[in-house]
Amino acid sequence: MTKQPPERAANEIFLRGRLAAEPVLRTMPSGDELCSFRLTVPRPDGERTRVDSIDCAATNARVRRSLARAEPGDECEVTGSLRRRFWRSAQGLASRYEVEVAGLRISSRPRSGASPCRKPASG
């Protein structure tokens, strides 16, 4: 009997959905720029909830440039990894999951227009 190699852990995400709103560009205390956005991904027919709304964040300059050309409603394909973020809130330690985006492709653009990833936010 041949011994099987151990399974490798994997944290790879592929999503195809619509940009829910304008991405938000923040400058972090380190000076790095972070572009946050939400992707809505449809669920299969027959499920009570029709879409999942997924938080995504990108520090990659190439991804941020792609988001600068995107508009709410554009269909996007996202690759990346699932991350759990922790922070201290007034109620104590808090956390949430988000996709750390490594790649983004806009697969359909029903409209043309302004670049949404330019709104500053405090952070």
C-alpha atoms as a PDB file:
ATOM      1  CA  MET A   1       0.000   0.000   0.000  1.00  0.00           C
ATOM      2  CA  THR A   2       1.373   3.397  -1.015  1.00  0.00           C
ATOM      3  CA  LYS A   3       1.310   6.109   1.581  1.00  0.00           C
ATOM      4  CA  GLN A   4      -0.751   9.131   0.454  1.00  0.00           C
ATOM      5  CA  PRO A   5       0.880  12.562   0.751  1.00  0.00           C
ATOM      6  CA  PRO A   6      -0.740  14.734   3.428  1.00  0.00           C
ATOM      7  CA  GLU A   7      -3.474  17.037   2.200  1.00  0.00           C
ATOM      8  CA  ARG A   8      -2.375  20.616   1.796  1.00  0.00           C
ATOM      9  CA  ALA A   9      -4.403  23.354   3.384  1.00  0.00           C
ATOM     10  CA  ALA A  10      -6.003  25.756   0.933  1.00  0.00           C
ATOM     11  CA  ASN A  11      -7.557  29.180   1.293  1.00  0.00           C
ATOM     12  CA  GLU A  12      -8.524  30.154  -2.235  1.00  0.00           C
ATOM     13  CA  ILE A  13     -11.621  32.143  -3.112  1.00  0.00           C
ATOM     14  CA  PHE A  14     -13.263  32.695  -6.493  1.00  0.00           C
ATOM     15  CA  LEU A  15     -16.352  34.892  -6.624  1.00  0.00           C
ATOM     16  CA  ARG A  16     -18.431  36.200  -9.500  1.00  0.00           C
ATOM     17  CA  GLY A  17     -20.956  38.859  -8.607  1.00  0.00           C
ATOM     18  CA  ARG A  18     -21.959  42.494  -8.895  1.00  0.00           C
ATOM     19  CA  LEU A  19     -20.320  45.491  -7.271  1.00  0.00           C
ATOM     20  CA  ALA A  20     -22.915  46.556  -4.685  1.00  0.00           C
ATOM     21  CA  ALA A  21     -21.790  50.169  -4.178  1.00  0.00           C
ATOM     22  CA  GLU A  22     -18.893  52.473  -4.854  1.00  0.00           C
ATOM     23  CA  PRO A  23     -15.606  51.161  -3.441  1.00  0.00           C
ATOM     24  CA  VAL A  24     -14.084  53.204  -0.625  1.00  0.00           C
ATOM     25  CA  LEU A  25     -10.401  54.123  -0.639  1.00  0.00           C
ATOM     26  CA  ARG A  26      -8.731  54.603   2.762  1.00  0.00           C
ATOM     27  CA  THR A  27      -5.198  55.523   3.668  1.00  0.00           C
ATOM     28  CA  MET A  28      -4.035  53.464   6.630  1.00  0.00           C
ATOM     29  CA  PRO A  29      -1.809  54.875   9.412  1.00  0.00           C
ATOM     30  CA  SER A  30       1.122  53.063   7.740  1.00  0.00           C
ATOM     31  CA  GLY A  31       0.503  55.035   4.532  1.00  0.00           C
ATOM     32  CA  ASP A  32      -0.760  51.962   2.643  1.00  0.00           C
ATOM     33  CA  GLU A  33      -3.951  52.369   0.657  1.00  0.00           C
ATOM     34  CA  LEU A  34      -6.853  49.976   1.159  1.00  0.00           C
ATOM     35  CA  CYS A  35      -9.817  49.813  -1.192  1.00  0.00           C
ATOM     36  CA  SER A  36     -12.901  48.206   0.383  1.00  0.00           C
ATOM     37  CA  PHE A  37     -15.971  47.107  -1.529  1.00  0.00           C
ATOM     38  CA  ARG A  38     -18.918  44.765  -1.314  1.00  0.00           C
ATOM     39  CA  LEU A  39     -19.777  42.108  -3.873  1.00  0.00           C
ATOM     40  CA  THR A  40     -23.288  40.649  -4.145  1.00  0.00           C
ATOM     41  CA  VAL A  41     -23.262  37.034  -5.284  1.00  0.00           C
ATOM     42  CA  PRO A  42     -26.527  35.361  -6.328  1.00  0.00           C
ATOM     43  CA  ARG A  43     -27.594  32.138  -4.649  1.00  0.00           C
ATOM     44  CA  PRO A  44     -29.102  29.209  -6.557  1.00  0.00           C
ATOM     45  CA  ASP A  45     -32.802  29.451  -7.417  1.00  0.00           C
ATOM     46  CA  GLY A  46     -35.224  28.400  -4.706  1.00  0.00           C
ATOM     47  CA  GLU A  47     -33.258  29.727  -1.728  1.00  0.00           C
ATOM     48  CA  ARG A  48     -35.036  32.238   0.484  1.00  0.00           C
ATOM     49  CA  THR A  49     -32.152  34.710   0.524  1.00  0.00           C
ATOM     50  CA  ARG A  50     -31.444  35.624  -3.070  1.00  0.00           C
ATOM     51  CA  VAL A  51     -27.905  37.028  -2.715  1.00  0.00           C
ATOM     52  CA  ASP A  52     -24.952  36.959  -0.356  1.00  0.00           C
ATOM     53  CA  SER A  53     -23.243  40.276   0.303  1.00  0.00           C
ATOM     54  CA  ILE A  54     -19.505  39.732   0.726  1.00  0.00           C
ATOM     55  CA  ASP A  55     -17.006  42.270   2.079  1.00  0.00           C
ATOM     56  CA  CYS A  56     -13.785  42.512   0.091  1.00  0.00           C
ATOM     57  CA  ALA A  57     -10.578  44.530   0.537  1.00  0.00           C
ATOM     58  CA  ALA A  58      -7.620  45.155  -1.752  1.00  0.00           C
ATOM     59  CA  THR A  59      -4.194  46.649  -1.131  1.00  0.00           C
ATOM     60  CA  ASN A  60      -2.814  45.466  -4.482  1.00  0.00           C
ATOM     61  CA  ALA A  61      -2.253  48.511  -6.739  1.00  0.00           C
ATOM     62  CA  ARG A  62      -3.355  46.651  -9.894  1.00  0.00           C
ATOM     63  CA  VAL A  63      -6.655  45.662  -8.244  1.00  0.00           C
ATOM     64  CA  ARG A  64      -7.206  49.217  -6.967  1.00  0.00           C
ATOM     65  CA  ARG A  65      -6.696  50.558 -10.522  1.00  0.00           C
ATOM     66  CA  SER A  66      -9.299  48.096 -11.832  1.00  0.00           C
ATOM     67  CA  LEU A  67     -11.728  49.208  -9.121  1.00  0.00           C
ATOM     68  CA  ALA A  68     -11.135  52.842 -10.102  1.00  0.00           C
ATOM     69  CA  ARG A  69     -12.769  51.989 -13.456  1.00  0.00           C
ATOM     70  CA  ALA A  70     -15.644  50.002 -11.949  1.00  0.00           C
ATOM     71  CA  GLU A  71     -19.165  51.201 -11.228  1.00  0.00           C
ATOM     72  CA  PRO A  72     -21.867  49.840  -8.945  1.00  0.00           C
ATOM     73  CA  GLY A  73     -23.696  47.097 -10.826  1.00  0.00           C
ATOM     74  CA  ASP A  74     -20.642  45.968 -12.811  1.00  0.00           C
ATOM     75  CA  GLU A  75     -20.123  42.219 -12.807  1.00  0.00           C
ATOM     76  CA  CYS A  76     -16.720  41.306 -11.376  1.00  0.00           C
ATOM     77  CA  GLU A  77     -14.670  38.160 -10.910  1.00  0.00           C
ATOM     78  CA  VAL A  78     -12.574  38.166  -7.748  1.00  0.00           C
ATOM     79  CA  THR A  79      -9.805  35.832  -6.602  1.00  0.00           C
ATOM     80  CA  GLY A  80      -8.218  35.940  -3.180  1.00  0.00           C
ATOM     81  CA  SER A  81      -8.210  34.495   0.315  1.00  0.00           C
ATOM     82  CA  LEU A  82     -10.652  34.556   3.199  1.00  0.00           C
ATOM     83  CA  ARG A  83      -9.368  36.532   6.194  1.00  0.00           C
ATOM     84  CA  ARG A  84     -10.766  37.149   9.657  1.00  0.00           C
ATOM     85  CA  ARG A  85     -10.126  40.691  10.864  1.00  0.00           C
ATOM     86  CA  PHE A  86     -10.088  41.628  14.551  1.00  0.00           C
ATOM     87  CA  TRP A  87     -10.400  45.062  16.160  1.00  0.00           C
ATOM     88  CA  ARG A  88     -11.372  46.621  19.457  1.00  0.00           C
ATOM     89  CA  SER A  89     -14.764  48.284  19.568  1.00  0.00           C
ATOM     90  CA  ALA A  90     -16.656  50.040  22.342  1.00  0.00           C
ATOM     91  CA  GLN A  91     -18.257  46.672  23.152  1.00  0.00           C
ATOM     92  CA  GLY A  92     -14.919  44.819  23.241  1.00  0.00           C
ATOM     93  CA  LEU A  93     -13.118  42.619  20.747  1.00  0.00           C
ATOM     94  CA  ALA A  94     -14.939  42.332  17.416  1.00  0.00           C
ATOM     95  CA  SER A  95     -14.237  40.425  14.219  1.00  0.00           C
ATOM     96  CA  ARG A  96     -15.550  39.779  10.732  1.00  0.00           C
ATOM     97  CA  TYR A  97     -14.575  37.840   7.654  1.00  0.00           C
ATOM     98  CA  GLU A  98     -13.629  39.491   4.380  1.00  0.00           C
ATOM     99  CA  VAL A  99     -11.972  38.458   1.143  1.00  0.00           C
ATOM    100  CA  GLU A 100      -8.431  39.743   0.718  1.00  0.00           C
ATOM    101  CA  VAL A 101      -8.454  40.347  -3.027  1.00  0.00           C
ATOM    102  CA  ALA A 102      -5.442  39.273  -5.072  1.00  0.00           C
ATOM    103  CA  GLY A 103      -7.051  39.639  -8.506  1.00  0.00           C
ATOM    104  CA  LEU A 104     -10.105  41.319  -9.993  1.00  0.00           C
ATOM    105  CA  ARG A 105     -11.548  41.309 -13.491  1.00  0.00           C
ATOM    106  CA  ILE A 106     -14.540  43.357 -14.568  1.00  0.00           C
ATOM    107  CA  SER A 107     -16.493  40.927 -16.736  1.00  0.00           C
ATOM    108  CA  SER A 108     -19.355  43.212 -17.779  1.00  0.00           C
ATOM    109  CA  ARG A 109     -19.870  46.944 -17.706  1.00  0.00           C
ATOM    110  CA  PRO A 110     -23.452  47.940 -18.352  1.00  0.00           C
ATOM    111  CA  ARG A 111     -22.541  51.622 -17.965  1.00  0.00           C
ATOM    112  CA  SER A 112     -19.524  53.866 -18.340  1.00  0.00           C
ATOM    113  CA  GLY A 113     -18.622  56.682 -16.005  1.00  0.00           C
ATOM    114  CA  ALA A 114     -16.621  58.046 -13.119  1.00  0.00           C
ATOM    115  CA  SER A 115     -14.090  56.273 -10.976  1.00  0.00           C
ATOM    116  CA  PRO A 116     -15.697  55.302  -7.657  1.00  0.00           C
ATOM    117  CA  CYS A 117     -12.600  54.233  -5.723  1.00  0.00           C
ATOM    118  CA  ARG A 118     -11.703  57.782  -4.821  1.00  0.00           C
ATOM    119  CA  LYS A 119     -13.857  58.484  -1.787  1.00  0.00           C
ATOM    120  CA  PRO A 120     -11.624  59.086   1.210  1.00  0.00           C
ATOM    121  CA  ALA A 121     -12.585  57.586   4.526  1.00  0.00           C
ATOM    122  CA  SER A 122     -11.018  57.894   7.928  1.00  0.00           C
ATOM    123  CA  GLY A 123      -9.169  54.862   9.112  1.00  0.00           C
END
